């Protein structure tokens, strides 16, 4: 079956080729001369183009490799910087915690001192107010005694009364 197919395919070529006169040989020679001339004219330019193109591709590849290495170095440097930043952050947190404790202690101490000062001032004010009240009471009592004509008291009795009131 395959043989028959090939025979049917090739047979018409041989049958029609024998009847038709063609100028295949001169056309083939002209084509070869044309190809030779084109090769002579364009060979150096094509070679230069492809050489330049190869060089530019190699240069681009080298640039990409350099960028790749530079990026790897940047990534490594960034990771090292990240590690340093993490260590620094840990130190800062530790110092902040210590500072918080110190500040708490300082605030507690300052507050205790202020409270002690307020208590002391309050005690002093109470003492001063008590003394003022005693003095006012004594002054009022003495004024009442001297203002009253009915009461006859000697100076010695007044001093004794005042000593009893003050004590």
Protein backbone atom coordinates (compact mmCIF):
# COMPACT_ATOMS: atom_id res chain seq x y z
CA UNK A 1 0.00 0.00 0.00
CA UNK A 2 2.78 2.37 0.88
CA UNK A 3 4.66 1.46 -2.28
CA UNK A 4 1.66 2.28 -4.39
CA UNK A 5 1.28 5.63 -2.64
CA UNK A 6 4.93 6.56 -3.33
CA UNK A 7 4.67 5.47 -6.93
CA UNK A 8 1.53 7.57 -7.42
CA UNK A 9 3.24 10.50 -5.79
CA UNK A 10 6.52 10.33 -7.76
CA UNK A 11 5.20 9.16 -11.15
CA UNK A 12 3.52 12.44 -12.14
CA UNK A 13 6.74 14.33 -11.43
CA UNK A 14 8.70 12.18 -13.86
CA UNK A 15 5.98 12.24 -16.48
CA UNK A 16 5.53 16.02 -16.48
CA UNK A 17 9.26 16.75 -16.12
CA UNK A 18 10.16 14.98 -19.31
CA UNK A 19 7.76 16.96 -21.49
CA UNK A 20 8.49 20.47 -20.27
CA UNK A 21 11.66 22.21 -21.20
CA UNK A 22 13.01 24.36 -18.39
CA UNK A 23 16.10 26.44 -17.89
CA UNK A 24 16.90 24.97 -14.50
CA UNK A 25 20.65 24.88 -15.00
CA UNK A 26 21.14 28.57 -15.88
CA UNK A 27 18.79 29.59 -13.08
CA UNK A 28 20.71 27.44 -10.60
CA UNK A 29 24.04 28.97 -11.72
CA UNK A 30 22.56 32.49 -11.44
CA UNK A 31 21.27 31.66 -7.97
CA UNK A 32 24.68 30.36 -6.87
CA UNK A 33 26.36 33.52 -8.25
CA UNK A 34 23.78 35.65 -6.40
CA UNK A 35 24.41 33.77 -3.15
CA UNK A 36 28.19 34.15 -3.60
CA UNK A 37 27.88 37.91 -4.22
CA UNK A 38 25.57 38.32 -1.23
CA UNK A 39 27.97 36.32 0.90
CA UNK A 40 30.88 38.48 -0.28
CA UNK A 41 28.99 41.70 0.46
CA UNK A 42 27.18 40.73 3.67
CA UNK A 43 29.46 38.16 5.29
CA UNK A 44 31.66 40.68 7.17
CA UNK A 45 28.67 42.76 8.23
CA UNK A 46 26.73 39.69 9.37
CA UNK A 47 29.78 38.34 11.17
CA UNK A 48 30.34 41.74 12.86
CA UNK A 49 26.67 41.96 13.78
CA UNK A 50 26.56 38.50 15.30
CA UNK A 51 29.91 38.99 17.03
CA UNK A 52 28.67 42.29 18.49
CA UNK A 53 25.39 40.72 19.46
CA UNK A 54 27.21 37.84 21.16
CA UNK A 55 29.45 40.31 23.00
CA UNK A 56 26.47 42.40 24.11
CA UNK A 57 24.65 39.30 25.34
CA UNK A 58 27.75 38.21 27.24
CA UNK A 59 28.10 41.73 28.70
CA UNK A 60 24.45 41.75 29.77
CA UNK A 61 24.90 38.31 31.30
CA UNK A 62 28.00 39.52 33.15
CA UNK A 63 26.07 42.57 34.39
CA UNK A 64 23.28 40.34 35.59
CA UNK A 65 25.79 38.12 37.39
CA UNK A 66 27.39 41.20 39.01
CA UNK A 67 23.99 42.45 40.08
CA UNK A 68 23.15 39.01 41.41
CA UNK A 69 26.34 38.95 43.49
CA UNK A 70 25.76 42.53 44.64
CA UNK A 71 22.21 41.66 45.66
CA UNK A 72 23.40 38.59 47.55
CA UNK A 73 25.93 40.79 49.36
CA UNK A 74 23.19 43.34 50.13
CA UNK A 75 20.95 40.58 51.45
CA UNK A 76 23.78 39.26 53.62
CA UNK A 77 24.55 42.75 54.88
CA UNK A 78 20.87 43.41 55.52
CA UNK A 79 20.57 40.16 57.49
CA UNK A 80 23.64 41.08 59.55
CA UNK A 81 22.16 44.53 60.17
CA UNK A 82 18.87 42.92 61.13
CA UNK A 83 20.65 40.70 63.66
CA UNK A 84 22.48 43.73 65.08
CA UNK A 85 19.18 45.61 65.26
CA UNK A 86 17.54 42.70 67.09
CA UNK A 87 20.39 42.59 69.61
CA UNK A 88 20.22 46.37 70.03
CA UNK A 89 16.44 46.20 70.46
CA UNK A 90 16.88 43.57 73.16
CA UNK A 91 19.41 45.75 74.95
CA UNK A 92 17.11 48.75 74.68
CA UNK A 93 14.22 46.76 76.11
CA UNK A 94 16.40 45.55 79.00
CA UNK A 95 17.62 49.07 79.70
CA UNK A 96 14.08 50.41 79.50
CA UNK A 97 12.92 47.79 81.99
CA UNK A 98 15.76 48.71 84.33
CA UNK A 99 14.97 52.40 83.90
CA UNK A 100 11.31 51.74 84.65
CA UNK A 101 12.31 50.07 87.93
CA UNK A 102 14.64 52.95 88.78
CA UNK A 103 11.97 55.51 87.94
CA UNK A 104 9.40 53.64 90.06
CA UNK A 105 11.81 53.60 93.00
CA UNK A 106 12.64 57.29 92.53
CA UNK A 107 8.95 58.23 92.34
CA UNK A 108 8.17 56.12 95.41
CA UNK A 109 11.04 57.72 97.34
CA UNK A 110 10.05 61.23 96.27
CA UNK A 111 6.41 60.58 97.13
CA UNK A 112 7.33 59.21 100.56
CA UNK A 113 9.52 62.25 101.23
CA UNK A 114 6.75 64.65 100.17
CA UNK A 115 4.23 62.80 102.33
CA UNK A 116 6.63 62.99 105.29
CA UNK A 117 7.10 66.72 104.69
CA UNK A 118 3.34 67.24 104.48
CA UNK A 119 2.79 65.31 107.70
CA UNK A 120 5.51 67.36 109.41
CA UNK A 121 4.04 70.64 108.15
CA UNK A 122 0.57 69.55 109.20
CA UNK A 123 1.85 68.70 112.69
CA UNK A 124 3.59 72.07 112.88
CA UNK A 125 0.46 73.86 111.69
CA UNK A 126 -1.62 71.99 114.29
CA UNK A 127 0.87 72.99 116.97
CA UNK A 128 0.85 76.60 115.80
CA UNK A 129 -2.97 76.70 115.59
CA UNK A 130 -3.23 75.12 119.07
CA UNK A 131 -0.85 77.75 120.43
CA UNK A 132 -2.86 80.53 118.76
CA UNK A 133 -6.10 79.17 120.18
CA UNK A 134 -4.56 79.02 123.68
CA UNK A 135 -3.31 82.56 123.32
CA UNK A 136 -6.70 83.78 122.09
CA UNK A 137 -8.47 81.98 124.93
CA UNK A 138 -6.10 83.47 127.48
CA UNK A 139 -6.45 86.95 125.95
CA UNK A 140 -10.24 86.67 125.98
CA UNK A 141 -10.25 85.36 129.55
CA UNK A 142 -7.97 88.15 130.73
CA UNK A 143 -10.02 90.77 128.88
CA UNK A 144 -13.20 89.39 130.48
CA UNK A 145 -11.63 89.50 133.96
CA UNK A 146 -10.35 93.02 133.58
CA UNK A 147 -13.58 94.20 131.98
CA UNK A 148 -15.68 92.79 134.76
CA UNK A 149 -15.84 95.04 137.81
CA UNK A 150 -17.49 92.41 139.97
CA UNK A 151 -14.53 90.11 140.17
CA UNK A 152 -11.64 91.18 142.40
CA UNK A 153 -8.66 88.98 141.71
CA UNK A 154 -5.10 89.67 142.62
CA UNK A 155 -2.22 89.44 140.15
CA UNK A 156 -0.92 86.34 141.92
CA UNK A 157 -4.27 84.57 141.44
CA UNK A 158 -4.34 85.53 137.75
CA UNK A 159 -0.87 84.10 137.22
CA UNK A 160 -1.92 80.83 138.91
CA UNK A 161 -5.08 80.61 136.80
CA UNK A 162 -3.14 81.28 133.60
CA UNK A 163 -0.56 78.63 134.48
CA UNK A 164 -3.34 76.11 135.06
CA UNK A 165 -4.99 76.96 131.71
CA UNK A 166 -1.74 76.83 129.72
CA UNK A 167 -0.60 73.59 131.25
